[in-house]
Structure formats: C-alpha cells, structure tokens
Amino acid sequence: MKMNKLKAVILIIDLSSMNFVIAGDSSVSGANAVSDAATNMLRGNAKFNVVATVLVLIFIGIVLYLFRLDRKMTKLEKQINQK
C-alpha cells in the first residue's frame, strides 16, 4: 500500500515538473507575450530563481507533512484495531 502512495507522489512530482518545463518554453508565441516579458524580467533580476526555490521548498514541506501525518494515522488505526 505504501509503495502505491510513493508511486503516486513520484508521478505527481514528475507531472508537475513537466508542466513547469512546458510553461517555461519560450517557443510559444501570441497571447504569451506579456508572460514572456514578465518571465524575462524575473530571470534578469534573479527573482525567478528565488520564487522557484521557495515554491519547491513549500511543496517539499507539504509532502513531508502529509507523509508524517499518514504514518501517525496508520499507527493510530492499528492501535484502535488491536483493542
């Protein structure tokens, strides 16, 4: 059961990183002109790296919290079932 959860988390991380790479693609033109200008400005000021790092750290923190919470819940469920 835990292996399935781990595979699901890895799949979600993989898909989200793939979306991030696609969103950062500069070959798309037209309606994304404003987005490209904003991205270039953020990369030029090195703020993009800070924002990306903070978002990754927040995501990792949430994932770790959920794993810890799941382990505690599993332990409590086992204690309840033993009684």
N, C-alpha and C. Protein backbone atom coordinates (compact mmCIF):
# COMPACT_ATOMS: atom_id res chain seq x y z
N MET A 1 0.82 -1.19 0.00
CA MET A 1 0.00 0.00 0.00
C MET A 1 0.86 1.25 0.00
N LYS A 2 1.92 1.26 0.82
CA LYS A 2 2.78 2.43 0.89
C LYS A 2 3.53 2.64 -0.41
N MET A 3 3.85 1.54 -1.12
CA MET A 3 4.55 1.66 -2.38
C MET A 3 3.67 2.36 -3.42
N ASN A 4 2.36 2.08 -3.38
CA ASN A 4 1.45 2.74 -4.30
C ASN A 4 1.38 4.24 -4.02
N LYS A 5 1.41 4.62 -2.75
CA LYS A 5 1.40 6.04 -2.38
C LYS A 5 2.68 6.71 -2.86
N LEU A 6 3.80 6.02 -2.71
CA LEU A 6 5.08 6.57 -3.14
C LEU A 6 5.09 6.75 -4.66
N LYS A 7 4.57 5.77 -5.38
CA LYS A 7 4.50 5.89 -6.83
C LYS A 7 3.60 7.05 -7.24
N ALA A 8 2.50 7.24 -6.52
CA ALA A 8 1.60 8.35 -6.84
C ALA A 8 2.27 9.69 -6.60
N VAL A 9 3.02 9.81 -5.51
CA VAL A 9 3.72 11.07 -5.23
C VAL A 9 4.79 11.34 -6.28
N ILE A 10 5.52 10.30 -6.66
CA ILE A 10 6.55 10.47 -7.69
C ILE A 10 5.91 10.87 -9.02
N LEU A 11 4.77 10.28 -9.35
CA LEU A 11 4.07 10.63 -10.58
C LEU A 11 3.62 12.09 -10.55
N ILE A 12 3.09 12.53 -9.42
CA ILE A 12 2.63 13.92 -9.30
C ILE A 12 3.80 14.88 -9.44
N ILE A 13 4.92 14.57 -8.80
CA ILE A 13 6.10 15.43 -8.90
C ILE A 13 6.60 15.46 -10.33
N ASP A 14 6.61 14.31 -10.99
CA ASP A 14 7.06 14.24 -12.37
C ASP A 14 6.16 15.06 -13.29
N LEU A 15 4.86 14.92 -13.11
CA LEU A 15 3.93 15.67 -13.96
C LEU A 15 4.00 17.17 -13.69
N SER A 16 4.17 17.55 -12.44
CA SER A 16 4.24 18.98 -12.14
C SER A 16 5.54 19.58 -12.68
N SER A 17 6.63 18.83 -12.63
CA SER A 17 7.87 19.37 -13.19
C SER A 17 7.79 19.43 -14.69
N MET A 18 7.08 18.49 -15.32
CA MET A 18 6.92 18.53 -16.76
C MET A 18 6.10 19.75 -17.16
N ASN A 19 5.07 20.06 -16.39
CA ASN A 19 4.25 21.24 -16.64
C ASN A 19 5.09 22.50 -16.48
N PHE A 20 5.98 22.52 -15.50
CA PHE A 20 6.84 23.67 -15.28
C PHE A 20 7.77 23.88 -16.46
N VAL A 21 8.30 22.81 -17.02
CA VAL A 21 9.20 22.90 -18.17
C VAL A 21 8.43 23.39 -19.39
N ILE A 22 7.22 22.86 -19.58
CA ILE A 22 6.42 23.28 -20.72
C ILE A 22 6.03 24.74 -20.58
N ALA A 23 5.67 25.17 -19.37
CA ALA A 23 5.27 26.56 -19.14
C ALA A 23 6.45 27.50 -19.37
N GLY A 24 7.66 27.05 -19.15
CA GLY A 24 8.83 27.89 -19.36
C GLY A 24 9.32 27.91 -20.78
N ASP A 25 8.64 27.19 -21.68
CA ASP A 25 9.04 27.12 -23.08
C ASP A 25 8.78 28.46 -23.74
N SER A 26 9.79 29.03 -24.37
CA SER A 26 9.64 30.35 -24.99
C SER A 26 9.27 30.24 -26.46
N SER A 27 9.04 29.04 -26.99
CA SER A 27 8.69 28.89 -28.40
C SER A 27 7.23 29.23 -28.65
N VAL A 28 6.42 29.31 -27.62
CA VAL A 28 5.02 29.65 -27.77
C VAL A 28 4.91 31.16 -27.98
N SER A 29 4.14 31.56 -28.98
CA SER A 29 4.02 32.99 -29.26
C SER A 29 2.57 33.42 -29.17
N GLY A 30 2.34 34.72 -29.33
CA GLY A 30 0.97 35.23 -29.36
C GLY A 30 0.54 35.75 -28.01
N ALA A 31 -0.41 35.08 -27.38
CA ALA A 31 -1.01 35.57 -26.14
C ALA A 31 -0.04 35.55 -24.97
N ASN A 32 1.08 34.85 -25.10
CA ASN A 32 2.02 34.75 -24.00
C ASN A 32 3.09 35.84 -24.03
N ALA A 33 2.90 36.89 -24.82
CA ALA A 33 3.91 37.94 -24.91
C ALA A 33 4.11 38.63 -23.57
N VAL A 34 3.02 38.88 -22.86
CA VAL A 34 3.13 39.52 -21.54
C VAL A 34 3.80 38.57 -20.57
N SER A 35 3.42 37.31 -20.64
CA SER A 35 4.02 36.31 -19.76
C SER A 35 5.52 36.17 -20.03
N ASP A 36 5.91 36.19 -21.30
CA ASP A 36 7.33 36.10 -21.65
C ASP A 36 8.10 37.31 -21.15
N ALA A 37 7.50 38.48 -21.25
CA ALA A 37 8.17 39.69 -20.76
C ALA A 37 8.34 39.63 -19.24
N ALA A 38 7.32 39.16 -18.55
CA ALA A 38 7.41 39.02 -17.09
C ALA A 38 8.45 37.98 -16.70
N THR A 39 8.49 36.89 -17.43
CA THR A 39 9.47 35.84 -17.14
C THR A 39 10.88 36.35 -17.38
N ASN A 40 11.09 37.07 -18.47
CA ASN A 40 12.42 37.62 -18.76
C ASN A 40 12.83 38.62 -17.69
N MET A 41 11.89 39.42 -17.21
CA MET A 41 12.22 40.39 -16.18
C MET A 41 12.61 39.68 -14.87
N LEU A 42 11.83 38.65 -14.51
CA LEU A 42 12.14 37.92 -13.28
C LEU A 42 13.47 37.19 -13.38
N ARG A 43 13.75 36.61 -14.53
CA ARG A 43 15.03 35.91 -14.69
C ARG A 43 16.18 36.90 -14.70
N GLY A 44 15.96 38.05 -15.26
CA GLY A 44 17.00 39.07 -15.31
C GLY A 44 17.35 39.58 -13.92
N ASN A 45 16.40 39.66 -13.05
CA ASN A 45 16.63 40.15 -11.70
C ASN A 45 16.96 39.03 -10.72
N ALA A 46 17.04 37.81 -11.20
CA ALA A 46 17.31 36.62 -10.39
C ALA A 46 16.20 36.36 -9.37
N LYS A 47 15.07 37.01 -9.52
CA LYS A 47 13.96 36.77 -8.61
C LYS A 47 13.25 35.46 -8.95
N PHE A 48 13.33 35.08 -10.21
CA PHE A 48 12.69 33.85 -10.66
C PHE A 48 13.24 32.65 -9.89
N ASN A 49 14.55 32.62 -9.74
CA ASN A 49 15.19 31.51 -9.02
C ASN A 49 14.75 31.48 -7.56
N VAL A 50 14.61 32.63 -6.96
CA VAL A 50 14.18 32.70 -5.56
C VAL A 50 12.74 32.21 -5.43
N VAL A 51 11.88 32.66 -6.32
CA VAL A 51 10.47 32.25 -6.28
C VAL A 51 10.35 30.75 -6.52
N ALA A 52 11.07 30.24 -7.51
CA ALA A 52 11.02 28.80 -7.80
C ALA A 52 11.54 27.99 -6.61
N THR A 53 12.60 28.45 -5.99
CA THR A 53 13.16 27.74 -4.84
C THR A 53 12.18 27.72 -3.67
N VAL A 54 11.56 28.85 -3.40
CA VAL A 54 10.59 28.93 -2.31
C VAL A 54 9.40 28.01 -2.58
N LEU A 55 8.91 28.00 -3.81
CA LEU A 55 7.79 27.13 -4.15
C LEU A 55 8.15 25.66 -4.00
N VAL A 56 9.35 25.29 -4.42
CA VAL A 56 9.79 23.89 -4.28
C VAL A 56 9.91 23.53 -2.80
N LEU A 57 10.46 24.43 -1.99
CA LEU A 57 10.60 24.15 -0.56
C LEU A 57 9.24 24.01 0.12
N ILE A 58 8.30 24.85 -0.25
CA ILE A 58 6.95 24.75 0.31
C ILE A 58 6.31 23.42 -0.08
N PHE A 59 6.46 23.03 -1.35
CA PHE A 59 5.90 21.77 -1.82
C PHE A 59 6.51 20.59 -1.09
N ILE A 60 7.82 20.60 -0.92
CA ILE A 60 8.50 19.52 -0.21
C ILE A 60 8.03 19.46 1.25
N GLY A 61 7.86 20.62 1.87
CA GLY A 61 7.36 20.66 3.24
C GLY A 61 5.97 20.08 3.37
N ILE A 62 5.10 20.40 2.42
CA ILE A 62 3.73 19.86 2.46
C ILE A 62 3.75 18.35 2.27
N VAL A 63 4.57 17.87 1.34
CA VAL A 63 4.65 16.42 1.10
C VAL A 63 5.17 15.71 2.34
N LEU A 64 6.23 16.24 2.96
CA LEU A 64 6.77 15.62 4.17
C LEU A 64 5.75 15.63 5.31
N TYR A 65 5.02 16.72 5.45
CA TYR A 65 3.98 16.80 6.48
C TYR A 65 2.90 15.74 6.25
N LEU A 66 2.49 15.58 4.99
CA LEU A 66 1.45 14.59 4.69
C LEU A 66 1.94 13.17 4.94
N PHE A 67 3.21 12.87 4.62
CA PHE A 67 3.75 11.55 4.92
C PHE A 67 3.78 11.30 6.42
N ARG A 68 4.20 12.29 7.19
CA ARG A 68 4.25 12.15 8.64
C ARG A 68 2.85 11.95 9.22
N LEU A 69 1.92 12.73 8.71
CA LEU A 69 0.53 12.61 9.16
C LEU A 69 -0.03 11.23 8.81
N ASP A 70 0.29 10.72 7.64
CA ASP A 70 -0.18 9.41 7.23
C ASP A 70 0.37 8.32 8.14
N ARG A 71 1.65 8.43 8.50
CA ARG A 71 2.24 7.44 9.40
C ARG A 71 1.58 7.46 10.77
N LYS A 72 1.30 8.66 11.28
CA LYS A 72 0.63 8.77 12.58
C LYS A 72 -0.77 8.20 12.53
N MET A 73 -1.48 8.49 11.45
CA MET A 73 -2.84 7.97 11.30
C MET A 73 -2.84 6.45 11.21
N THR A 74 -1.87 5.90 10.47
CA THR A 74 -1.77 4.45 10.35
C THR A 74 -1.49 3.81 11.71
N LYS A 75 -0.62 4.43 12.48
CA LYS A 75 -0.29 3.91 13.81
C LYS A 75 -1.53 3.96 14.72
N LEU A 76 -2.28 5.05 14.67
CA LEU A 76 -3.50 5.15 15.48
C LEU A 76 -4.55 4.13 15.05
N GLU A 77 -4.68 3.92 13.73
CA GLU A 77 -5.64 2.94 13.25
C GLU A 77 -5.28 1.54 13.73
N LYS A 78 -4.00 1.21 13.74
CA LYS A 78 -3.56 -0.09 14.23
C LYS A 78 -3.87 -0.25 15.72
N GLN A 79 -3.67 0.83 16.50
CA GLN A 79 -3.95 0.78 17.92
C GLN A 79 -5.45 0.58 18.16
N ILE A 80 -6.27 1.24 17.38
CA ILE A 80 -7.73 1.11 17.52
C ILE A 80 -8.17 -0.29 17.15
N ASN A 81 -7.59 -0.84 16.09
CA ASN A 81 -7.98 -2.18 15.64
C ASN A 81 -7.53 -3.27 16.62
N GLN A 82 -6.47 -3.04 17.38
CA GLN A 82 -6.00 -4.01 18.34
C GLN A 82 -6.90 -4.10 19.56
N LYS A 83 -7.61 -3.04 19.87
CA LYS A 83 -8.47 -3.01 21.06
C LYS A 83 -9.73 -3.72 20.83
